[in-house]
Amino acid sequence: MFGFKKNKNKRLTKKTCVTFLEILTNLLQILKKSNIHEQAKFIEVLIVLLNQRKDEQFIDLINSVNMWGGSGAVWEVHIEDSADNRSFEKEIVNLIDFMEKINILGPGVKPIRKLFKQNIKGKL
């Protein structure tokens, strides 16, 4: 279903890592607050890879089906609290925007952003 980009020899700048850490930490907090443990663990792995500067592994993993695939993927979680759900969707949009900006966004992810933007607009 998803064919993700291979980003060989891609290095992230320190500033890029900081931005990713901010977004991922926000996502992690929302997931933990909502008791969504498996996806929270996945985000924790991404954070560890960033902190260890394992850029290629991070890029591959953030573009994986664990993040953007179907059932069980991070983006597909159900968050009961509407305010937390809205915050989660905004952070996912921020993440997709940033990944696109630095040219590491895999194909098949943009429709998720479109869906979440529509959701956010509908909740104003």
C-alpha atoms as a PDB file:
ATOM      1  CA  MET A   1       0.000   0.000   0.000  1.00  0.00           C
ATOM      2  CA  PHE A   2       2.731   2.445   0.936  1.00  0.00           C
ATOM      3  CA  GLY A   3       6.042   2.745  -0.882  1.00  0.00           C
ATOM      4  CA  PHE A   4       8.218   4.953   1.223  1.00  0.00           C
ATOM      5  CA  LYS A   5      11.261   6.929   0.103  1.00  0.00           C
ATOM      6  CA  LYS A   6      14.670   5.543   0.766  1.00  0.00           C
ATOM      7  CA  ASN A   7      16.829   8.354   2.101  1.00  0.00           C
ATOM      8  CA  LYS A   8      20.324   6.953   2.008  1.00  0.00           C
ATOM      9  CA  ASN A   9      23.120   9.065   3.432  1.00  0.00           C
ATOM     10  CA  LYS A  10      20.709  11.746   4.603  1.00  0.00           C
ATOM     11  CA  ARG A  11      21.991  13.773   7.547  1.00  0.00           C
ATOM     12  CA  LEU A  12      19.859  15.978   9.738  1.00  0.00           C
ATOM     13  CA  THR A  13      21.059  19.299  11.078  1.00  0.00           C
ATOM     14  CA  LYS A  14      21.076  19.976  14.799  1.00  0.00           C
ATOM     15  CA  LYS A  15      18.268  22.514  14.311  1.00  0.00           C
ATOM     16  CA  THR A  16      16.230  19.927  12.410  1.00  0.00           C
ATOM     17  CA  CYS A  17      16.722  17.415  15.230  1.00  0.00           C
ATOM     18  CA  VAL A  18      15.523  19.975  17.780  1.00  0.00           C
ATOM     19  CA  THR A  19      12.350  20.623  15.778  1.00  0.00           C
ATOM     20  CA  PHE A  20      11.673  16.898  15.435  1.00  0.00           C
ATOM     21  CA  LEU A  21      12.254  16.425  19.168  1.00  0.00           C
ATOM     22  CA  GLU A  22       9.733  19.157  19.994  1.00  0.00           C
ATOM     23  CA  ILE A  23       7.034  17.676  17.761  1.00  0.00           C
ATOM     24  CA  LEU A  24       7.686  14.078  18.810  1.00  0.00           C
ATOM     25  CA  THR A  25       7.758  14.987  22.507  1.00  0.00           C
ATOM     26  CA  ASN A  26       4.377  16.684  22.134  1.00  0.00           C
ATOM     27  CA  LEU A  27       2.986  13.587  20.395  1.00  0.00           C
ATOM     28  CA  LEU A  28       4.475  11.357  23.089  1.00  0.00           C
ATOM     29  CA  GLN A  29       2.868  13.361  25.884  1.00  0.00           C
ATOM     30  CA  ILE A  30      -0.546  13.178  24.225  1.00  0.00           C
ATOM     31  CA  LEU A  31      -0.239   9.432  23.622  1.00  0.00           C
ATOM     32  CA  LYS A  32       0.870   8.750  27.187  1.00  0.00           C
ATOM     33  CA  LYS A  33      -1.901  10.921  28.634  1.00  0.00           C
ATOM     34  CA  SER A  34      -4.379   8.950  26.520  1.00  0.00           C
ATOM     35  CA  ASN A  35      -2.911   5.592  27.633  1.00  0.00           C
ATOM     36  CA  ILE A  36      -1.901   4.643  24.102  1.00  0.00           C
ATOM     37  CA  HIS A  37       1.192   2.697  25.027  1.00  0.00           C
ATOM     38  CA  GLU A  38       2.323   0.852  21.888  1.00  0.00           C
ATOM     39  CA  GLN A  39       2.371   3.948  19.703  1.00  0.00           C
ATOM     40  CA  ALA A  40       3.993   5.911  22.534  1.00  0.00           C
ATOM     41  CA  LYS A  41       6.794   3.318  22.621  1.00  0.00           C
ATOM     42  CA  PHE A  42       7.295   3.770  18.882  1.00  0.00           C
ATOM     43  CA  ILE A  43       7.625   7.551  19.314  1.00  0.00           C
ATOM     44  CA  GLU A  44      10.115   6.931  22.128  1.00  0.00           C
ATOM     45  CA  VAL A  45      12.231   4.844  19.734  1.00  0.00           C
ATOM     46  CA  LEU A  46      12.218   7.725  17.238  1.00  0.00           C
ATOM     47  CA  ILE A  47      13.338  10.122  19.976  1.00  0.00           C
ATOM     48  CA  VAL A  48      16.170   7.776  20.993  1.00  0.00           C
ATOM     49  CA  LEU A  49      17.351   7.508  17.376  1.00  0.00           C
ATOM     50  CA  LEU A  50      17.367  11.303  17.092  1.00  0.00           C
ATOM     51  CA  ASN A  51      19.296  11.722  20.332  1.00  0.00           C
ATOM     52  CA  GLN A  52      21.815   9.121  19.206  1.00  0.00           C
ATOM     53  CA  ARG A  53      22.099  10.901  15.821  1.00  0.00           C
ATOM     54  CA  LYS A  54      21.192   7.765  13.911  1.00  0.00           C
ATOM     55  CA  ASP A  55      19.712   9.916  11.170  1.00  0.00           C
ATOM     56  CA  GLU A  56      19.268   7.312   8.458  1.00  0.00           C
ATOM     57  CA  GLN A  57      17.540   4.880  10.807  1.00  0.00           C
ATOM     58  CA  PHE A  58      15.345   7.698  12.107  1.00  0.00           C
ATOM     59  CA  ILE A  59      14.328   8.747   8.599  1.00  0.00           C
ATOM     60  CA  ASP A  60      13.550   5.183   7.579  1.00  0.00           C
ATOM     61  CA  LEU A  61      11.519   4.543  10.736  1.00  0.00           C
ATOM     62  CA  ILE A  62       9.568   7.800  10.676  1.00  0.00           C
ATOM     63  CA  ASN A  63       8.495   6.911   7.133  1.00  0.00           C
ATOM     64  CA  SER A  64       7.523   3.345   8.050  1.00  0.00           C
ATOM     65  CA  VAL A  65       4.143   1.645   8.181  1.00  0.00           C
ATOM     66  CA  ASN A  66       4.385   1.843  11.980  1.00  0.00           C
ATOM     67  CA  MET A  67       3.906   5.590  11.619  1.00  0.00           C
ATOM     68  CA  TRP A  68       1.783   5.946   8.473  1.00  0.00           C
ATOM     69  CA  GLY A  69       0.345   2.514   7.674  1.00  0.00           C
ATOM     70  CA  GLY A  70      -3.062   1.154   8.533  1.00  0.00           C
ATOM     71  CA  SER A  71      -4.508  -0.187  11.738  1.00  0.00           C
ATOM     72  CA  GLY A  72      -2.076   0.159  14.632  1.00  0.00           C
ATOM     73  CA  ALA A  73      -0.060   2.957  13.047  1.00  0.00           C
ATOM     74  CA  VAL A  74       0.631   6.058  15.109  1.00  0.00           C
ATOM     75  CA  TRP A  75      -1.515   8.377  12.996  1.00  0.00           C
ATOM     76  CA  GLU A  76      -4.529   6.033  13.280  1.00  0.00           C
ATOM     77  CA  VAL A  77      -4.931   6.046  17.053  1.00  0.00           C
ATOM     78  CA  HIS A  78      -8.246   6.915  18.627  1.00  0.00           C
ATOM     79  CA  ILE A  79      -8.045   9.547  21.337  1.00  0.00           C
ATOM     80  CA  GLU A  80     -11.206   9.893  23.418  1.00  0.00           C
ATOM     81  CA  ASP A  81     -10.656  13.416  24.725  1.00  0.00           C
ATOM     82  CA  SER A  82     -11.591  15.837  21.950  1.00  0.00           C
ATOM     83  CA  ALA A  83      -9.076  18.514  22.989  1.00  0.00           C
ATOM     84  CA  ASP A  84      -6.266  15.959  23.119  1.00  0.00           C
ATOM     85  CA  ASN A  85      -7.375  14.512  19.802  1.00  0.00           C
ATOM     86  CA  ARG A  86      -7.305  17.974  18.239  1.00  0.00           C
ATOM     87  CA  SER A  87      -3.806  18.593  19.663  1.00  0.00           C
ATOM     88  CA  PHE A  88      -2.658  15.228  18.347  1.00  0.00           C
ATOM     89  CA  GLU A  89      -3.981  15.944  14.860  1.00  0.00           C
ATOM     90  CA  LYS A  90      -2.315  19.376  14.853  1.00  0.00           C
ATOM     91  CA  GLU A  91       1.027  17.817  15.835  1.00  0.00           C
ATOM     92  CA  ILE A  92       0.708  15.188  13.107  1.00  0.00           C
ATOM     93  CA  VAL A  93       0.065  17.992  10.588  1.00  0.00           C
ATOM     94  CA  ASN A  94       3.111  19.847  11.951  1.00  0.00           C
ATOM     95  CA  LEU A  95       5.175  16.685  11.594  1.00  0.00           C
ATOM     96  CA  ILE A  96       4.078  16.085   8.002  1.00  0.00           C
ATOM     97  CA  ASP A  97       4.673  19.750   7.097  1.00  0.00           C
ATOM     98  CA  PHE A  98       8.161  19.623   8.582  1.00  0.00           C
ATOM     99  CA  MET A  99       9.037  16.328   6.916  1.00  0.00           C
ATOM    100  CA  GLU A 100       7.940  17.775   3.593  1.00  0.00           C
ATOM    101  CA  LYS A 101       9.897  20.979   4.203  1.00  0.00           C
ATOM    102  CA  ILE A 102      13.158  19.088   4.740  1.00  0.00           C
ATOM    103  CA  ASN A 103      12.386  16.685   1.894  1.00  0.00           C
ATOM    104  CA  ILE A 104      12.098  13.384   3.765  1.00  0.00           C
ATOM    105  CA  LEU A 105       8.344  12.833   3.441  1.00  0.00           C
ATOM    106  CA  GLY A 106       7.462   9.487   1.932  1.00  0.00           C
ATOM    107  CA  PRO A 107       4.673   9.110  -0.610  1.00  0.00           C
ATOM    108  CA  GLY A 108       1.183   8.339   0.607  1.00  0.00           C
ATOM    109  CA  VAL A 109       1.360  10.585   3.674  1.00  0.00           C
ATOM    110  CA  LYS A 110      -0.087  13.832   2.302  1.00  0.00           C
ATOM    111  CA  PRO A 111      -3.682  12.516   2.328  1.00  0.00           C
ATOM    112  CA  ILE A 112      -3.343  12.062   6.100  1.00  0.00           C
ATOM    113  CA  ARG A 113      -2.467  15.733   6.436  1.00  0.00           C
ATOM    114  CA  LYS A 114      -5.453  16.689   4.290  1.00  0.00           C
ATOM    115  CA  LEU A 115      -7.784  14.557   6.424  1.00  0.00           C
ATOM    116  CA  PHE A 116      -6.480  15.998   9.692  1.00  0.00           C
ATOM    117  CA  LYS A 117      -6.644  19.575   8.407  1.00  0.00           C
ATOM    118  CA  GLN A 118     -10.293  18.988   7.472  1.00  0.00           C
ATOM    119  CA  ASN A 119     -10.940  17.527  10.932  1.00  0.00           C
ATOM    120  CA  ILE A 120      -9.281  20.497  12.628  1.00  0.00           C
ATOM    121  CA  LYS A 121     -11.278  22.989  10.539  1.00  0.00           C
ATOM    122  CA  GLY A 122     -14.492  21.170  11.395  1.00  0.00           C
ATOM    123  CA  LYS A 123     -13.736  21.418  15.118  1.00  0.00           C
ATOM    124  CA  LEU A 124     -13.294  25.180  15.253  1.00  0.00           C
END
